[in-house]
Amino acid sequence: MTKSDLLAHEQAGRREALDGLIARINPGAHVVDVQAPLAQPETLLSAGSYGATERGSNVAAWLAAESPLSRAFAKPAAAPVAGLARHSGIYTKSMVMAEPVSAADLVTFIDILRRAAGQRLLRMKGLVALLDDPERPMLIHLVQDIFHPPVRLEHWPRVDRRTRLVLIADGIDEAALDSFLKTLERKPGRKRA
């Protein structure tokens, strides 16, 4: 965050509302105020909690940070402040699949989704059970058009070994996105969950 020093003391409510808006859009976002005395420029360039090393240690928390359930039980956000409620088309979509998928199907799915949604696909992350080795999930992370290198984990973080994908979209028709997500699990010979 920049220019926070321009807010007068009586505008503290606008800053709190902005913090609330950021938390609603991305509950896992780490806000760095560059005006803060301890702010370090390197934090803007580090992978932080999305680096492979950090993710490997607490994948379950990383995936849960933006789930609709965590949002449903989060503290209510502050009352909106005029001029800050510009993101009404942003929503989160989750998908759970019981059966593993092929790596080729996953790559095709992600490629089509990225091409169709473009910049409106704000984020996608998840753990995917692949047919070649379902005991070692693939950790995927995409931010708009940047697809971070997938990481193959040595084991699942929990007993539940189902594929989980979480998407954050802006202005994408939710029913169409839901229908497209279901295509990944509708391959011939695959059970429907």
N, C-alpha and C. Protein backbone atom coordinates (compact mmCIF):
# COMPACT_ATOMS: atom_id res chain seq x y z
N MET A 1 0.84 -1.16 0.00
CA MET A 1 0.00 0.00 0.00
C MET A 1 0.89 1.23 0.00
N THR A 2 0.54 2.17 -0.84
CA THR A 2 1.31 3.40 -0.92
C THR A 2 0.43 4.59 -0.56
N LYS A 3 1.05 5.68 -0.24
CA LYS A 3 0.41 6.97 0.02
C LYS A 3 -0.53 6.97 1.22
N SER A 4 -0.37 6.04 2.12
CA SER A 4 -1.22 6.03 3.32
C SER A 4 -0.94 7.25 4.19
N ASP A 5 0.22 7.84 4.01
CA ASP A 5 0.56 9.03 4.78
C ASP A 5 -0.29 10.24 4.40
N LEU A 6 -0.98 10.16 3.26
CA LEU A 6 -1.83 11.27 2.83
C LEU A 6 -3.19 11.26 3.52
N LEU A 7 -3.53 10.17 4.19
CA LEU A 7 -4.79 10.11 4.92
C LEU A 7 -4.68 10.92 6.21
N ALA A 8 -5.60 11.81 6.38
CA ALA A 8 -5.63 12.59 7.62
C ALA A 8 -6.15 11.72 8.75
N HIS A 9 -5.87 12.11 9.98
CA HIS A 9 -6.28 11.33 11.15
C HIS A 9 -7.80 11.08 11.15
N GLU A 10 -8.56 12.05 10.71
CA GLU A 10 -10.03 11.90 10.71
C GLU A 10 -10.52 10.95 9.61
N GLN A 11 -9.62 10.51 8.72
CA GLN A 11 -9.99 9.57 7.66
C GLN A 11 -9.59 8.14 7.99
N ALA A 12 -9.33 7.87 9.24
CA ALA A 12 -8.93 6.52 9.66
C ALA A 12 -9.99 5.49 9.29
N GLY A 13 -11.25 5.88 9.27
CA GLY A 13 -12.33 4.97 8.90
C GLY A 13 -12.21 4.49 7.46
N ARG A 14 -11.71 5.35 6.57
CA ARG A 14 -11.52 4.95 5.18
C ARG A 14 -10.42 3.88 5.08
N ARG A 15 -9.37 4.03 5.86
CA ARG A 15 -8.29 3.04 5.86
C ARG A 15 -8.80 1.70 6.39
N GLU A 16 -9.58 1.73 7.47
CA GLU A 16 -10.15 0.49 8.01
C GLU A 16 -11.08 -0.17 7.00
N ALA A 17 -11.87 0.64 6.29
CA ALA A 17 -12.77 0.09 5.28
C ALA A 17 -11.97 -0.52 4.12
N LEU A 18 -10.89 0.14 3.74
CA LEU A 18 -10.03 -0.40 2.68
C LEU A 18 -9.41 -1.73 3.12
N ASP A 19 -8.93 -1.79 4.35
CA ASP A 19 -8.39 -3.05 4.88
C ASP A 19 -9.45 -4.15 4.86
N GLY A 20 -10.69 -3.79 5.21
CA GLY A 20 -11.79 -4.76 5.18
C GLY A 20 -12.10 -5.23 3.77
N LEU A 21 -12.07 -4.30 2.81
CA LEU A 21 -12.32 -4.65 1.41
C LEU A 21 -11.24 -5.60 0.90
N ILE A 22 -9.99 -5.31 1.20
CA ILE A 22 -8.89 -6.18 0.78
C ILE A 22 -9.07 -7.57 1.39
N ALA A 23 -9.46 -7.64 2.65
CA ALA A 23 -9.67 -8.94 3.32
C ALA A 23 -10.82 -9.71 2.68
N ARG A 24 -11.86 -9.02 2.22
CA ARG A 24 -12.97 -9.71 1.56
C ARG A 24 -12.56 -10.24 0.20
N ILE A 25 -11.81 -9.44 -0.55
CA ILE A 25 -11.38 -9.85 -1.89
C ILE A 25 -10.37 -10.99 -1.81
N ASN A 26 -9.42 -10.87 -0.89
CA ASN A 26 -8.39 -11.90 -0.75
C ASN A 26 -7.99 -12.02 0.72
N PRO A 27 -8.67 -12.92 1.46
CA PRO A 27 -8.37 -13.06 2.88
C PRO A 27 -6.93 -13.45 3.18
N GLY A 28 -6.23 -14.01 2.23
CA GLY A 28 -4.85 -14.41 2.45
C GLY A 28 -3.83 -13.34 2.10
N ALA A 29 -4.30 -12.18 1.63
CA ALA A 29 -3.36 -11.13 1.21
C ALA A 29 -2.61 -10.54 2.40
N HIS A 30 -1.34 -10.36 2.20
CA HIS A 30 -0.49 -9.70 3.20
C HIS A 30 -0.32 -8.27 2.72
N VAL A 31 -0.83 -7.31 3.47
CA VAL A 31 -0.75 -5.90 3.08
C VAL A 31 0.51 -5.30 3.68
N VAL A 32 1.33 -4.72 2.82
CA VAL A 32 2.54 -4.05 3.25
C VAL A 32 2.33 -2.55 3.01
N ASP A 33 2.35 -1.79 4.08
CA ASP A 33 2.24 -0.34 3.99
C ASP A 33 3.65 0.22 3.87
N VAL A 34 4.00 0.73 2.70
CA VAL A 34 5.37 1.19 2.48
C VAL A 34 5.73 2.40 3.34
N GLN A 35 4.73 3.05 3.93
CA GLN A 35 5.00 4.18 4.82
C GLN A 35 5.32 3.74 6.25
N ALA A 36 5.07 2.48 6.56
CA ALA A 36 5.33 1.97 7.91
C ALA A 36 6.84 1.99 8.17
N PRO A 37 7.24 2.32 9.39
CA PRO A 37 8.67 2.43 9.69
C PRO A 37 9.46 1.14 9.46
N LEU A 38 8.82 -0.01 9.63
CA LEU A 38 9.55 -1.28 9.49
C LEU A 38 9.34 -1.94 8.13
N ALA A 39 8.73 -1.24 7.18
CA ALA A 39 8.48 -1.82 5.85
C ALA A 39 9.80 -2.09 5.14
N GLN A 40 9.90 -3.25 4.52
CA GLN A 40 11.10 -3.65 3.79
C GLN A 40 10.73 -3.88 2.32
N PRO A 41 11.41 -3.23 1.39
CA PRO A 41 11.09 -3.41 -0.03
C PRO A 41 11.18 -4.85 -0.50
N GLU A 42 12.08 -5.64 0.11
CA GLU A 42 12.22 -7.04 -0.32
C GLU A 42 10.94 -7.85 -0.14
N THR A 43 10.10 -7.47 0.80
CA THR A 43 8.86 -8.23 1.02
C THR A 43 7.93 -8.15 -0.18
N LEU A 44 8.04 -7.10 -0.98
CA LEU A 44 7.20 -6.98 -2.17
C LEU A 44 7.60 -7.96 -3.25
N LEU A 45 8.84 -8.39 -3.26
CA LEU A 45 9.34 -9.27 -4.31
C LEU A 45 9.45 -10.73 -3.89
N SER A 46 9.27 -11.01 -2.61
CA SER A 46 9.39 -12.40 -2.15
C SER A 46 8.11 -13.17 -2.42
N ALA A 47 8.23 -14.49 -2.53
CA ALA A 47 7.06 -15.33 -2.75
C ALA A 47 6.23 -15.45 -1.50
N GLY A 48 6.81 -15.17 -0.35
CA GLY A 48 6.07 -15.23 0.91
C GLY A 48 5.43 -16.58 1.12
N SER A 49 4.17 -16.58 1.54
CA SER A 49 3.47 -17.83 1.83
C SER A 49 3.16 -18.64 0.58
N TYR A 50 3.49 -18.10 -0.63
CA TYR A 50 3.22 -18.84 -1.85
C TYR A 50 4.46 -19.49 -2.43
N GLY A 51 5.57 -19.39 -1.74
CA GLY A 51 6.77 -20.07 -2.18
C GLY A 51 6.64 -21.57 -1.92
N ALA A 52 7.33 -22.36 -2.71
CA ALA A 52 7.21 -23.82 -2.59
C ALA A 52 7.59 -24.31 -1.20
N THR A 53 8.63 -23.75 -0.61
CA THR A 53 9.06 -24.20 0.71
C THR A 53 8.00 -23.90 1.75
N GLU A 54 7.49 -22.68 1.73
CA GLU A 54 6.48 -22.30 2.71
C GLU A 54 5.19 -23.08 2.50
N ARG A 55 4.77 -23.27 1.24
CA ARG A 55 3.53 -23.99 0.95
C ARG A 55 3.62 -25.43 1.42
N GLY A 56 4.77 -26.05 1.19
CA GLY A 56 4.91 -27.45 1.56
C GLY A 56 4.70 -27.69 3.03
N SER A 57 4.99 -26.69 3.85
CA SER A 57 4.87 -26.89 5.28
C SER A 57 3.45 -26.74 5.81
N ASN A 58 2.61 -25.98 5.12
CA ASN A 58 1.25 -25.80 5.61
C ASN A 58 0.28 -25.63 4.46
N VAL A 59 0.19 -26.63 3.60
CA VAL A 59 -0.66 -26.59 2.42
C VAL A 59 -2.13 -26.45 2.80
N ALA A 60 -2.57 -27.15 3.82
CA ALA A 60 -3.99 -27.10 4.20
C ALA A 60 -4.41 -25.68 4.55
N ALA A 61 -3.61 -24.96 5.31
CA ALA A 61 -3.95 -23.58 5.66
C ALA A 61 -3.91 -22.68 4.43
N TRP A 62 -2.96 -22.92 3.54
CA TRP A 62 -2.85 -22.13 2.33
C TRP A 62 -4.09 -22.28 1.46
N LEU A 63 -4.58 -23.51 1.33
CA LEU A 63 -5.79 -23.75 0.53
C LEU A 63 -7.04 -23.20 1.20
N ALA A 64 -7.09 -23.28 2.52
CA ALA A 64 -8.29 -22.86 3.25
C ALA A 64 -8.43 -21.35 3.35
N ALA A 65 -7.35 -20.62 3.14
CA ALA A 65 -7.38 -19.17 3.38
C ALA A 65 -8.47 -18.46 2.61
N GLU A 66 -8.82 -18.92 1.42
CA GLU A 66 -9.81 -18.22 0.62
C GLU A 66 -11.05 -19.06 0.34
N SER A 67 -11.24 -20.11 1.08
CA SER A 67 -12.40 -20.95 0.80
C SER A 67 -13.68 -20.24 1.20
N PRO A 68 -14.78 -20.54 0.52
CA PRO A 68 -16.05 -19.92 0.87
C PRO A 68 -16.44 -20.19 2.33
N LEU A 69 -16.07 -21.36 2.87
CA LEU A 69 -16.40 -21.63 4.27
C LEU A 69 -15.66 -20.70 5.20
N SER A 70 -14.38 -20.45 4.92
CA SER A 70 -13.64 -19.55 5.80
C SER A 70 -14.22 -18.15 5.72
N ARG A 71 -14.68 -17.75 4.53
CA ARG A 71 -15.33 -16.45 4.41
C ARG A 71 -16.65 -16.42 5.15
N ALA A 72 -17.40 -17.50 5.09
CA ALA A 72 -18.71 -17.52 5.74
C ALA A 72 -18.60 -17.35 7.24
N PHE A 73 -17.51 -17.86 7.83
CA PHE A 73 -17.36 -17.79 9.28
C PHE A 73 -16.39 -16.71 9.72
N ALA A 74 -15.96 -15.87 8.78
CA ALA A 74 -15.04 -14.78 9.13
C ALA A 74 -15.81 -13.66 9.84
N LYS A 75 -15.07 -12.81 10.53
CA LYS A 75 -15.70 -11.66 11.17
C LYS A 75 -16.36 -10.79 10.11
N PRO A 76 -17.53 -10.22 10.41
CA PRO A 76 -18.18 -9.36 9.43
C PRO A 76 -17.27 -8.16 9.09
N ALA A 77 -17.30 -7.78 7.85
CA ALA A 77 -16.49 -6.65 7.40
C ALA A 77 -17.12 -5.35 7.87
N ALA A 78 -16.30 -4.33 7.94
CA ALA A 78 -16.79 -3.01 8.32
C ALA A 78 -17.79 -2.52 7.28
N ALA A 79 -18.63 -1.60 7.71
CA ALA A 79 -19.61 -1.02 6.78
C ALA A 79 -18.87 -0.39 5.62
N PRO A 80 -19.42 -0.54 4.40
CA PRO A 80 -18.73 0.01 3.24
C PRO A 80 -18.61 1.53 3.32
N VAL A 81 -17.54 2.02 2.73
CA VAL A 81 -17.31 3.46 2.66
C VAL A 81 -17.45 3.85 1.19
N ALA A 82 -18.06 4.98 0.92
CA ALA A 82 -18.27 5.43 -0.45
C ALA A 82 -16.96 5.40 -1.23
N GLY A 83 -17.04 4.88 -2.46
CA GLY A 83 -15.86 4.86 -3.32
C GLY A 83 -14.99 3.63 -3.18
N LEU A 84 -15.27 2.76 -2.21
CA LEU A 84 -14.42 1.59 -2.03
C LEU A 84 -15.07 0.30 -2.52
N ALA A 85 -16.36 0.31 -2.81
CA ALA A 85 -17.05 -0.92 -3.19
C ALA A 85 -17.09 -1.06 -4.71
N ARG A 86 -15.92 -1.18 -5.34
CA ARG A 86 -15.85 -1.29 -6.79
C ARG A 86 -15.77 -2.72 -7.27
N HIS A 87 -15.66 -3.69 -6.40
CA HIS A 87 -15.36 -5.05 -6.81
C HIS A 87 -16.55 -5.99 -6.65
N SER A 88 -17.73 -5.56 -7.06
CA SER A 88 -18.93 -6.36 -6.84
C SER A 88 -18.96 -7.62 -7.69
N GLY A 89 -18.17 -7.70 -8.77
CA GLY A 89 -18.19 -8.89 -9.62
C GLY A 89 -17.22 -9.97 -9.18
N ILE A 90 -16.50 -9.76 -8.09
CA ILE A 90 -15.50 -10.73 -7.63
C ILE A 90 -16.16 -11.76 -6.72
N TYR A 91 -15.90 -13.02 -7.01
CA TYR A 91 -16.43 -14.10 -6.17
C TYR A 91 -15.44 -15.26 -6.16
N THR A 92 -15.65 -16.17 -5.20
CA THR A 92 -14.82 -17.36 -5.06
C THR A 92 -15.62 -18.59 -5.44
N LYS A 93 -15.00 -19.51 -6.13
CA LYS A 93 -15.64 -20.77 -6.54
C LYS A 93 -14.73 -21.91 -6.11
N SER A 94 -15.30 -22.90 -5.47
CA SER A 94 -14.53 -24.08 -5.05
C SER A 94 -15.03 -25.32 -5.77
N MET A 95 -14.13 -26.26 -5.93
CA MET A 95 -14.47 -27.53 -6.59
C MET A 95 -13.73 -28.65 -5.88
N VAL A 96 -14.43 -29.74 -5.64
CA VAL A 96 -13.83 -30.94 -5.04
C VAL A 96 -14.16 -32.10 -5.96
N MET A 97 -13.14 -32.90 -6.30
CA MET A 97 -13.34 -34.06 -7.16
C MET A 97 -12.84 -35.30 -6.44
N ALA A 98 -13.63 -36.35 -6.47
CA ALA A 98 -13.29 -37.58 -5.79
C ALA A 98 -12.26 -38.42 -6.54
N GLU A 99 -12.27 -38.35 -7.87
CA GLU A 99 -11.41 -39.20 -8.68
C GLU A 99 -10.19 -38.44 -9.20
N PRO A 100 -9.03 -39.10 -9.29
CA PRO A 100 -7.84 -38.47 -9.86
C PRO A 100 -8.06 -38.12 -11.33
N VAL A 101 -7.30 -37.16 -11.84
CA VAL A 101 -7.38 -36.75 -13.24
C VAL A 101 -6.02 -36.97 -13.89
N SER A 102 -6.02 -37.04 -15.21
CA SER A 102 -4.74 -37.19 -15.91
C SER A 102 -4.05 -35.83 -15.98
N ALA A 103 -2.75 -35.87 -16.06
CA ALA A 103 -1.98 -34.63 -16.18
C ALA A 103 -2.36 -33.89 -17.46
N ALA A 104 -2.60 -34.62 -18.54
CA ALA A 104 -2.98 -34.01 -19.82
C ALA A 104 -4.32 -33.28 -19.69
N ASP A 105 -5.28 -33.92 -19.03
CA ASP A 105 -6.59 -33.27 -18.83
C ASP A 105 -6.45 -32.00 -18.00
N LEU A 106 -5.61 -32.05 -16.97
CA LEU A 106 -5.41 -30.88 -16.12
C LEU A 106 -4.78 -29.74 -16.91
N VAL A 107 -3.75 -30.03 -17.69
CA VAL A 107 -3.08 -29.00 -18.48
C VAL A 107 -4.05 -28.38 -19.49
N THR A 108 -4.82 -29.21 -20.16
CA THR A 108 -5.81 -28.72 -21.14
C THR A 108 -6.85 -27.84 -20.46
N PHE A 109 -7.35 -28.29 -19.33
CA PHE A 109 -8.34 -27.53 -18.56
C PHE A 109 -7.80 -26.15 -18.19
N ILE A 110 -6.60 -26.11 -17.64
CA ILE A 110 -6.00 -24.84 -17.21
C ILE A 110 -5.75 -23.94 -18.42
N ASP A 111 -5.27 -24.51 -19.51
CA ASP A 111 -4.99 -23.72 -20.71
C ASP A 111 -6.27 -23.08 -21.26
N ILE A 112 -7.33 -23.86 -21.37
CA ILE A 112 -8.60 -23.33 -21.88
C ILE A 112 -9.15 -22.27 -20.93
N LEU A 113 -9.09 -22.54 -19.64
CA LEU A 113 -9.59 -21.58 -18.66
C LEU A 113 -8.82 -20.27 -18.74
N ARG A 114 -7.51 -20.34 -18.83
CA ARG A 114 -6.68 -19.12 -18.92
C ARG A 114 -6.99 -18.34 -20.19
N ARG A 115 -7.16 -19.03 -21.30
CA ARG A 115 -7.45 -18.35 -22.57
C ARG A 115 -8.84 -17.72 -22.56
N ALA A 116 -9.81 -18.44 -22.02
CA ALA A 116 -11.19 -17.94 -22.02
C ALA A 116 -11.40 -16.82 -21.02
N ALA A 117 -10.83 -16.95 -19.85
CA ALA A 117 -11.07 -15.98 -18.78
C ALA A 117 -10.12 -14.79 -18.83
N GLY A 118 -8.91 -15.03 -19.29
CA GLY A 118 -7.93 -13.94 -19.33
C GLY A 118 -7.69 -13.34 -17.95
N GLN A 119 -7.63 -12.03 -17.91
CA GLN A 119 -7.36 -11.31 -16.66
C GLN A 119 -8.51 -11.40 -15.67
N ARG A 120 -9.66 -11.90 -16.11
CA ARG A 120 -10.80 -12.02 -15.19
C ARG A 120 -10.65 -13.21 -14.24
N LEU A 121 -9.76 -14.13 -14.56
CA LEU A 121 -9.44 -15.20 -13.61
C LEU A 121 -8.33 -14.63 -12.73
N LEU A 122 -8.72 -14.14 -11.57
CA LEU A 122 -7.77 -13.46 -10.70
C LEU A 122 -6.80 -14.44 -10.06
N ARG A 123 -7.33 -15.62 -9.70
CA ARG A 123 -6.47 -16.57 -9.00
C ARG A 123 -7.06 -17.96 -9.06
N MET A 124 -6.20 -18.96 -9.09
CA MET A 124 -6.63 -20.35 -8.95
C MET A 124 -5.52 -21.06 -8.18
N LYS A 125 -5.91 -21.84 -7.22
CA LYS A 125 -4.94 -22.65 -6.48
C LYS A 125 -5.60 -23.95 -6.11
N GLY A 126 -4.79 -24.94 -5.81
CA GLY A 126 -5.38 -26.20 -5.43
C GLY A 126 -4.38 -27.33 -5.31
N LEU A 127 -4.91 -28.43 -4.81
CA LEU A 127 -4.20 -29.70 -4.72
C LEU A 127 -4.92 -30.65 -5.66
N VAL A 128 -4.15 -31.31 -6.54
CA VAL A 128 -4.76 -32.16 -7.55
C VAL A 128 -4.21 -33.58 -7.44
N ALA A 129 -5.11 -34.55 -7.38
CA ALA A 129 -4.73 -35.96 -7.42
C ALA A 129 -4.60 -36.36 -8.88
N LEU A 130 -3.39 -36.73 -9.29
CA LEU A 130 -3.15 -37.13 -10.67
C LEU A 130 -3.15 -38.65 -10.80
N LEU A 131 -3.59 -39.14 -11.95
CA LEU A 131 -3.69 -40.58 -12.17
C LEU A 131 -2.36 -41.30 -12.04
N ASP A 132 -1.26 -40.65 -12.43
CA ASP A 132 0.03 -41.34 -12.42
C ASP A 132 0.54 -41.64 -11.01
N ASP A 133 0.15 -40.86 -10.01
CA ASP A 133 0.59 -41.09 -8.63
C ASP A 133 -0.35 -40.34 -7.68
N PRO A 134 -1.55 -40.88 -7.45
CA PRO A 134 -2.55 -40.17 -6.65
C PRO A 134 -2.17 -39.96 -5.19
N GLU A 135 -1.14 -40.65 -4.71
CA GLU A 135 -0.71 -40.47 -3.32
C GLU A 135 0.17 -39.23 -3.13
N ARG A 136 0.65 -38.67 -4.24
CA ARG A 136 1.50 -37.46 -4.19
C ARG A 136 0.80 -36.35 -4.97
N PRO A 137 0.09 -35.48 -4.27
CA PRO A 137 -0.69 -34.45 -4.98
C PRO A 137 0.18 -33.39 -5.64
N MET A 138 -0.39 -32.77 -6.66
CA MET A 138 0.25 -31.65 -7.35
C MET A 138 -0.36 -30.37 -6.79
N LEU A 139 0.51 -29.47 -6.36
CA LEU A 139 0.10 -28.18 -5.84
C LEU A 139 0.18 -27.18 -6.99
N ILE A 140 -0.97 -26.56 -7.34
CA ILE A 140 -0.97 -25.61 -8.45
C ILE A 140 -1.36 -24.22 -7.94
N HIS A 141 -0.85 -23.20 -8.64
CA HIS A 141 -1.09 -21.83 -8.25
C HIS A 141 -0.99 -20.94 -9.48
N LEU A 142 -2.07 -20.22 -9.76
CA LEU A 142 -2.12 -19.34 -10.91
C LEU A 142 -2.63 -17.97 -10.45
N VAL A 143 -1.97 -16.92 -10.85
CA VAL A 143 -2.43 -15.56 -10.56
C VAL A 143 -2.56 -14.87 -11.91
N GLN A 144 -3.79 -14.61 -12.32
CA GLN A 144 -4.13 -14.08 -13.63
C GLN A 144 -3.42 -14.90 -14.70
N ASP A 145 -2.52 -14.32 -15.46
CA ASP A 145 -1.89 -15.10 -16.53
C ASP A 145 -0.55 -15.70 -16.14
N ILE A 146 -0.20 -15.62 -14.86
CA ILE A 146 1.06 -16.20 -14.39
C ILE A 146 0.76 -17.56 -13.75
N PHE A 147 1.24 -18.61 -14.37
CA PHE A 147 1.06 -19.95 -13.84
C PHE A 147 2.37 -20.35 -13.18
N HIS A 148 2.37 -20.36 -11.86
CA HIS A 148 3.58 -20.70 -11.12
C HIS A 148 3.91 -22.17 -11.33
N PRO A 149 5.18 -22.53 -11.32
CA PRO A 149 5.55 -23.93 -11.53
C PRO A 149 4.85 -24.83 -10.50
N PRO A 150 4.17 -25.89 -10.98
CA PRO A 150 3.52 -26.80 -10.04
C PRO A 150 4.56 -27.49 -9.16
N VAL A 151 4.13 -27.86 -7.97
CA VAL A 151 5.00 -28.54 -7.01
C VAL A 151 4.37 -29.88 -6.66
N ARG A 152 5.13 -30.95 -6.82
CA ARG A 152 4.64 -32.28 -6.45
C ARG A 152 4.99 -32.51 -4.99
N LEU A 153 3.97 -32.69 -4.14
CA LEU A 153 4.19 -32.92 -2.71
C LEU A 153 4.47 -34.40 -2.46
N GLU A 154 5.16 -34.70 -1.39
CA GLU A 154 5.49 -36.08 -1.04
C GLU A 154 4.28 -36.83 -0.48
N HIS A 155 3.32 -36.10 0.08
CA HIS A 155 2.13 -36.74 0.65
C HIS A 155 1.03 -35.69 0.79
N TRP A 156 -0.18 -36.16 1.01
CA TRP A 156 -1.31 -35.27 1.24
C TRP A 156 -1.21 -34.67 2.63
N PRO A 157 -1.63 -33.40 2.79
CA PRO A 157 -1.55 -32.78 4.11
C PRO A 157 -2.58 -33.32 5.11
N ARG A 158 -3.61 -33.98 4.59
CA ARG A 158 -4.66 -34.55 5.43
C ARG A 158 -5.04 -35.92 4.91
N VAL A 159 -5.90 -36.60 5.64
CA VAL A 159 -6.36 -37.93 5.23
C VAL A 159 -7.18 -37.84 3.95
N ASP A 160 -7.95 -36.78 3.79
CA ASP A 160 -8.78 -36.58 2.60
C ASP A 160 -7.88 -36.35 1.39
N ARG A 161 -8.01 -37.21 0.39
CA ARG A 161 -7.13 -37.15 -0.78
C ARG A 161 -7.87 -36.73 -2.05
N ARG A 162 -8.92 -35.97 -1.90
CA ARG A 162 -9.67 -35.50 -3.07
C ARG A 162 -9.04 -34.22 -3.62
N THR A 163 -9.16 -34.06 -4.92
CA THR A 163 -8.70 -32.84 -5.57
C THR A 163 -9.55 -31.67 -5.10
N ARG A 164 -8.87 -30.54 -4.84
CA ARG A 164 -9.56 -29.32 -4.44
C ARG A 164 -8.99 -28.16 -5.25
N LEU A 165 -9.89 -27.42 -5.88
CA LEU A 165 -9.50 -26.21 -6.60
C LEU A 165 -10.30 -25.04 -6.05
N VAL A 166 -9.65 -23.91 -5.88
CA VAL A 166 -10.31 -22.68 -5.45
C VAL A 166 -9.97 -21.62 -6.49
N LEU A 167 -11.00 -20.96 -7.02
CA LEU A 167 -10.80 -19.92 -8.02
C LEU A 167 -11.39 -18.61 -7.51
N ILE A 168 -10.73 -17.52 -7.84
CA ILE A 168 -11.27 -16.19 -7.58
C ILE A 168 -11.44 -15.55 -8.95
N ALA A 169 -12.66 -15.15 -9.26
CA ALA A 169 -12.98 -14.61 -10.58
C ALA A 169 -13.59 -13.23 -10.46
N ASP A 170 -13.46 -12.47 -11.53
CA ASP A 170 -14.03 -11.13 -11.59
C ASP A 170 -14.83 -10.99 -12.88
N GLY A 171 -16.14 -10.97 -12.74
CA GLY A 171 -17.00 -10.73 -13.90
C GLY A 171 -17.19 -11.91 -14.82
N ILE A 172 -16.81 -13.11 -14.40
CA ILE A 172 -17.04 -14.32 -15.19
C ILE A 172 -18.40 -14.86 -14.78
N ASP A 173 -19.22 -15.24 -15.75
CA ASP A 173 -20.52 -15.81 -15.44
C ASP A 173 -20.33 -17.04 -14.56
N GLU A 174 -20.89 -17.01 -13.35
CA GLU A 174 -20.65 -18.07 -12.37
C GLU A 174 -21.19 -19.41 -12.83
N ALA A 175 -22.37 -19.42 -13.45
CA ALA A 175 -22.95 -20.69 -13.93
C ALA A 175 -22.07 -21.30 -15.02
N ALA A 176 -21.57 -20.45 -15.93
CA ALA A 176 -20.70 -20.95 -17.00
C ALA A 176 -19.40 -21.49 -16.42
N LEU A 177 -18.83 -20.79 -15.45
CA LEU A 177 -17.60 -21.27 -14.82
C LEU A 177 -17.83 -22.59 -14.11
N ASP A 178 -18.94 -22.71 -13.40
CA ASP A 178 -19.27 -23.95 -12.71
C ASP A 178 -19.40 -25.10 -13.70
N SER A 179 -20.06 -24.86 -14.80
CA SER A 179 -20.22 -25.88 -15.84
C SER A 179 -18.87 -26.29 -16.41
N PHE A 180 -17.99 -25.32 -16.65
CA PHE A 180 -16.67 -25.63 -17.18
C PHE A 180 -15.84 -26.41 -16.17
N LEU A 181 -15.92 -26.06 -14.89
CA LEU A 181 -15.18 -26.79 -13.86
C LEU A 181 -15.58 -28.26 -13.85
N LYS A 182 -16.85 -28.52 -14.06
CA LYS A 182 -17.34 -29.90 -14.03
C LYS A 182 -16.84 -30.71 -15.22
N THR A 183 -16.40 -30.05 -16.30
CA THR A 183 -15.87 -30.80 -17.45
C THR A 183 -14.61 -31.56 -17.10
N LEU A 184 -13.86 -31.06 -16.14
CA LEU A 184 -12.62 -31.73 -15.74
C LEU A 184 -12.88 -33.12 -15.18
N GLU A 185 -14.03 -33.30 -14.53
CA GLU A 185 -14.32 -34.61 -13.95
C GLU A 185 -15.26 -35.44 -14.81
N ARG A 186 -15.66 -34.96 -15.96
CA ARG A 186 -16.58 -35.70 -16.83
C ARG A 186 -15.87 -36.37 -17.99
N LYS A 187 -14.83 -37.06 -17.73
CA LYS A 187 -14.12 -37.77 -18.79
C LYS A 187 -14.68 -39.16 -18.92
N PRO A 188 -14.63 -39.75 -20.11
CA PRO A 188 -15.15 -41.12 -20.30
C PRO A 188 -14.54 -42.10 -19.33
N GLY A 189 -15.38 -42.93 -18.74
CA GLY A 189 -14.90 -43.95 -17.83
C GLY A 189 -14.64 -43.45 -16.42
N ARG A 190 -14.79 -42.17 -16.19
CA ARG A 190 -14.54 -41.62 -14.86
C ARG A 190 -15.86 -41.50 -14.12
N LYS A 191 -15.84 -41.88 -12.85
CA LYS A 191 -17.03 -41.76 -12.02
C LYS A 191 -17.33 -40.29 -11.79
N ARG A 192 -18.59 -39.99 -11.65
CA ARG A 192 -18.99 -38.61 -11.32
C ARG A 192 -19.14 -38.51 -9.82
N ALA A 193 -18.59 -37.43 -9.26
CA ALA A 193 -18.64 -37.21 -7.81
C ALA A 193 -19.92 -36.51 -7.43
